């Protein structure tokens, strides 16, 4: 590399660094002036989504959920697609795919009291459909909604009652 090319490269690198520094300072300053400041550090884990803004934990353990199931004191809502529900679901669960909740809500929740214990579930530790559905149901007036994390897999692996649509 020639001396002139090296000088141009150094000058360009300094300019890029200077512009980056200006953008960062402007961004931080702008955030400080906002009335609804964005946090600089955030917990993006799947577990953090199970806590409401008021601090209430939406998660229910498998043992608590199975106890409520055995006593008939909870309604289970499957947030997965209808195809996945038909392939297998918690015995007696109602299908309400989160992606279709807006137009299937009334039909799926007919006869379920807003005071009932409702447990949403989907499949996989990172599946957020059940959490999203729980928030949807809470916003619709259901007061006692919990999320069974990794619900379908955990339920099956523990030999709890399942069903399939024929």
Protein backbone atom coordinates (compact mmCIF):
# COMPACT_ATOMS: atom_id res chain seq x y z
CA UNK A 1 0.00 0.00 0.00
CA UNK A 2 1.43 3.37 -0.95
CA UNK A 3 1.94 6.20 1.49
CA UNK A 4 -0.96 8.22 0.00
CA UNK A 5 -3.37 5.26 0.16
CA UNK A 6 -2.36 4.64 3.76
CA UNK A 7 -3.01 8.29 4.65
CA UNK A 8 -6.44 8.18 2.97
CA UNK A 9 -7.28 4.97 4.85
CA UNK A 10 -6.25 6.51 8.19
CA UNK A 11 -8.23 9.69 7.48
CA UNK A 12 -11.33 7.68 6.47
CA UNK A 13 -11.07 5.50 9.59
CA UNK A 14 -10.88 8.61 11.80
CA UNK A 15 -13.94 10.08 10.08
CA UNK A 16 -15.93 6.87 10.55
CA UNK A 17 -14.92 6.74 14.22
CA UNK A 18 -15.86 10.40 14.70
CA UNK A 19 -19.26 9.96 13.01
CA UNK A 20 -19.94 6.84 15.09
CA UNK A 21 -19.06 8.74 18.27
CA UNK A 22 -21.42 11.60 17.30
CA UNK A 23 -24.27 9.17 16.60
CA UNK A 24 -23.77 7.39 19.93
CA UNK A 25 -23.67 10.63 21.92
CA UNK A 26 -26.77 11.93 20.09
CA UNK A 27 -28.60 8.65 20.72
CA UNK A 28 -27.81 8.57 24.44
CA UNK A 29 -28.67 12.26 24.83
CA UNK A 30 -31.94 11.79 22.98
CA UNK A 31 -32.85 8.84 25.22
CA UNK A 32 -32.09 10.87 28.37
CA UNK A 33 -34.51 13.58 27.20
CA UNK A 34 -37.37 11.18 26.46
CA UNK A 35 -40.18 10.96 29.01
CA UNK A 36 -40.41 7.20 28.29
CA UNK A 37 -36.72 6.35 28.34
CA UNK A 38 -35.64 3.11 26.74
CA UNK A 39 -33.58 0.90 29.06
CA UNK A 40 -29.94 0.49 28.07
CA UNK A 41 -29.92 -3.07 29.43
CA UNK A 42 -32.92 -5.37 29.12
CA UNK A 43 -33.64 -8.96 30.10
CA UNK A 44 -34.67 -10.67 26.85
CA UNK A 45 -34.92 -14.18 28.27
CA UNK A 46 -38.08 -16.21 27.73
CA UNK A 47 -38.66 -16.20 31.51
CA UNK A 48 -38.72 -12.39 31.63
CA UNK A 49 -41.76 -12.39 29.33
CA UNK A 50 -43.70 -14.29 31.98
CA UNK A 51 -43.69 -11.33 34.34
CA UNK A 52 -46.34 -8.63 33.92
CA UNK A 53 -45.43 -4.93 34.13
CA UNK A 54 -46.92 -4.95 37.64
CA UNK A 55 -44.49 -7.73 38.64
CA UNK A 56 -46.94 -10.65 38.68
CA UNK A 57 -45.46 -13.96 37.54
CA UNK A 58 -47.66 -15.71 34.95
CA UNK A 59 -45.77 -19.00 35.03
CA UNK A 60 -47.26 -22.08 36.66
CA UNK A 61 -45.22 -25.18 37.44
CA UNK A 62 -46.03 -28.54 35.91
CA UNK A 63 -46.89 -29.99 39.32
CA UNK A 64 -49.30 -27.12 40.10
CA UNK A 65 -50.90 -27.43 36.66
CA UNK A 66 -51.30 -31.22 36.96
CA UNK A 67 -52.83 -30.84 40.43
CA UNK A 68 -55.38 -28.34 39.10
CA UNK A 69 -56.04 -30.71 36.16
CA UNK A 70 -56.63 -33.69 38.47
CA UNK A 71 -59.02 -31.65 40.62
CA UNK A 72 -60.82 -30.29 37.54
CA UNK A 73 -60.13 -26.75 38.70
CA UNK A 74 -58.47 -25.31 35.57
CA UNK A 75 -59.23 -24.86 31.90
CA UNK A 76 -56.32 -25.61 29.57
CA UNK A 77 -55.99 -23.56 26.39
CA UNK A 78 -53.67 -24.74 23.61
CA UNK A 79 -52.06 -21.75 21.86
CA UNK A 80 -50.53 -23.86 19.06
CA UNK A 81 -51.93 -24.23 15.56
CA UNK A 82 -55.00 -26.40 15.03
CA UNK A 83 -52.86 -28.95 13.16
CA UNK A 84 -50.56 -29.33 16.17
CA UNK A 85 -53.56 -29.50 18.51
CA UNK A 86 -55.15 -32.25 16.39
CA UNK A 87 -51.90 -34.26 16.49
CA UNK A 88 -52.06 -34.28 20.30
CA UNK A 89 -52.97 -32.04 23.21
CA UNK A 90 -53.60 -32.02 26.94
CA UNK A 91 -56.77 -34.02 27.57
CA UNK A 92 -59.80 -31.72 27.56
CA UNK A 93 -57.84 -28.68 26.37
CA UNK A 94 -59.49 -26.10 24.15
CA UNK A 95 -57.77 -25.02 20.95
CA UNK A 96 -57.28 -21.28 20.58
CA UNK A 97 -54.29 -20.68 18.32
CA UNK A 98 -52.77 -17.35 19.31
CA UNK A 99 -52.45 -16.29 15.68
CA UNK A 100 -56.22 -16.72 15.27
CA UNK A 101 -57.27 -15.47 18.72
CA UNK A 102 -58.86 -12.26 17.43
CA UNK A 103 -61.56 -14.04 15.46
CA UNK A 104 -61.82 -17.38 17.32
CA UNK A 105 -61.81 -15.98 20.86
CA UNK A 106 -65.60 -15.78 21.38
CA UNK A 107 -66.22 -19.32 20.15
CA UNK A 108 -63.26 -20.88 22.00
CA UNK A 109 -63.97 -19.16 25.32
CA UNK A 110 -67.75 -19.64 25.29
CA UNK A 111 -68.85 -21.01 28.64
CA UNK A 112 -65.54 -20.26 30.37
CA UNK A 113 -66.01 -17.81 33.21
CA UNK A 114 -63.68 -14.84 33.53
CA UNK A 115 -63.06 -16.04 37.10
CA UNK A 116 -61.91 -19.53 36.00
CA UNK A 117 -58.33 -20.67 36.39
CA UNK A 118 -57.00 -20.71 32.82
CA UNK A 119 -53.69 -22.26 31.83
CA UNK A 120 -52.26 -21.57 28.38
CA UNK A 121 -49.57 -23.70 26.83
CA UNK A 122 -47.66 -24.29 23.63
CA UNK A 123 -44.54 -26.37 22.95
CA UNK A 124 -40.86 -25.67 23.40
CA UNK A 125 -38.98 -23.67 26.00
CA UNK A 126 -38.73 -20.64 23.72
CA UNK A 127 -42.32 -20.79 22.44
CA UNK A 128 -44.01 -17.52 23.32
CA UNK A 129 -47.47 -18.26 21.87
CA UNK A 130 -48.81 -19.27 25.28
CA UNK A 131 -47.46 -16.12 26.91
CA UNK A 132 -48.93 -13.92 24.18
CA UNK A 133 -52.26 -15.72 24.49
CA UNK A 134 -52.21 -15.33 28.30
CA UNK A 135 -51.71 -11.57 27.93
CA UNK A 136 -54.50 -11.48 25.33
CA UNK A 137 -56.88 -13.32 27.69
CA UNK A 138 -55.97 -11.09 30.62
CA UNK A 139 -56.68 -8.03 28.49
CA UNK A 140 -60.02 -9.62 27.58
CA UNK A 141 -60.97 -9.76 31.26
CA UNK A 142 -59.81 -13.21 32.40
CA UNK A 143 -58.24 -12.61 35.79
CA UNK A 144 -56.61 -15.92 36.68
CA UNK A 145 -54.50 -16.83 33.63
CA UNK A 146 -51.21 -18.71 33.94
CA UNK A 147 -48.67 -20.06 31.45
CA UNK A 148 -47.33 -23.61 31.48
CA UNK A 149 -43.86 -23.20 29.96
CA UNK A 150 -42.86 -25.92 27.51
CA UNK A 151 -46.34 -27.21 28.26
CA UNK A 152 -47.01 -29.86 25.65
CA UNK A 153 -43.56 -31.51 25.80
CA UNK A 154 -43.41 -31.42 29.60
CA UNK A 155 -46.96 -32.79 29.89
CA UNK A 156 -46.25 -35.72 27.53
CA UNK A 157 -42.85 -36.52 29.03
CA UNK A 158 -44.42 -36.85 32.47
CA UNK A 159 -47.10 -39.28 31.26
CA UNK A 160 -50.01 -36.95 32.01
CA UNK A 161 -53.35 -37.42 30.20
CA UNK A 162 -53.33 -36.51 26.51
CA UNK A 163 -55.80 -36.73 23.66
CA UNK A 164 -55.84 -36.55 19.86
CA UNK A 165 -58.55 -35.46 17.48
CA UNK A 166 -59.66 -38.17 15.14
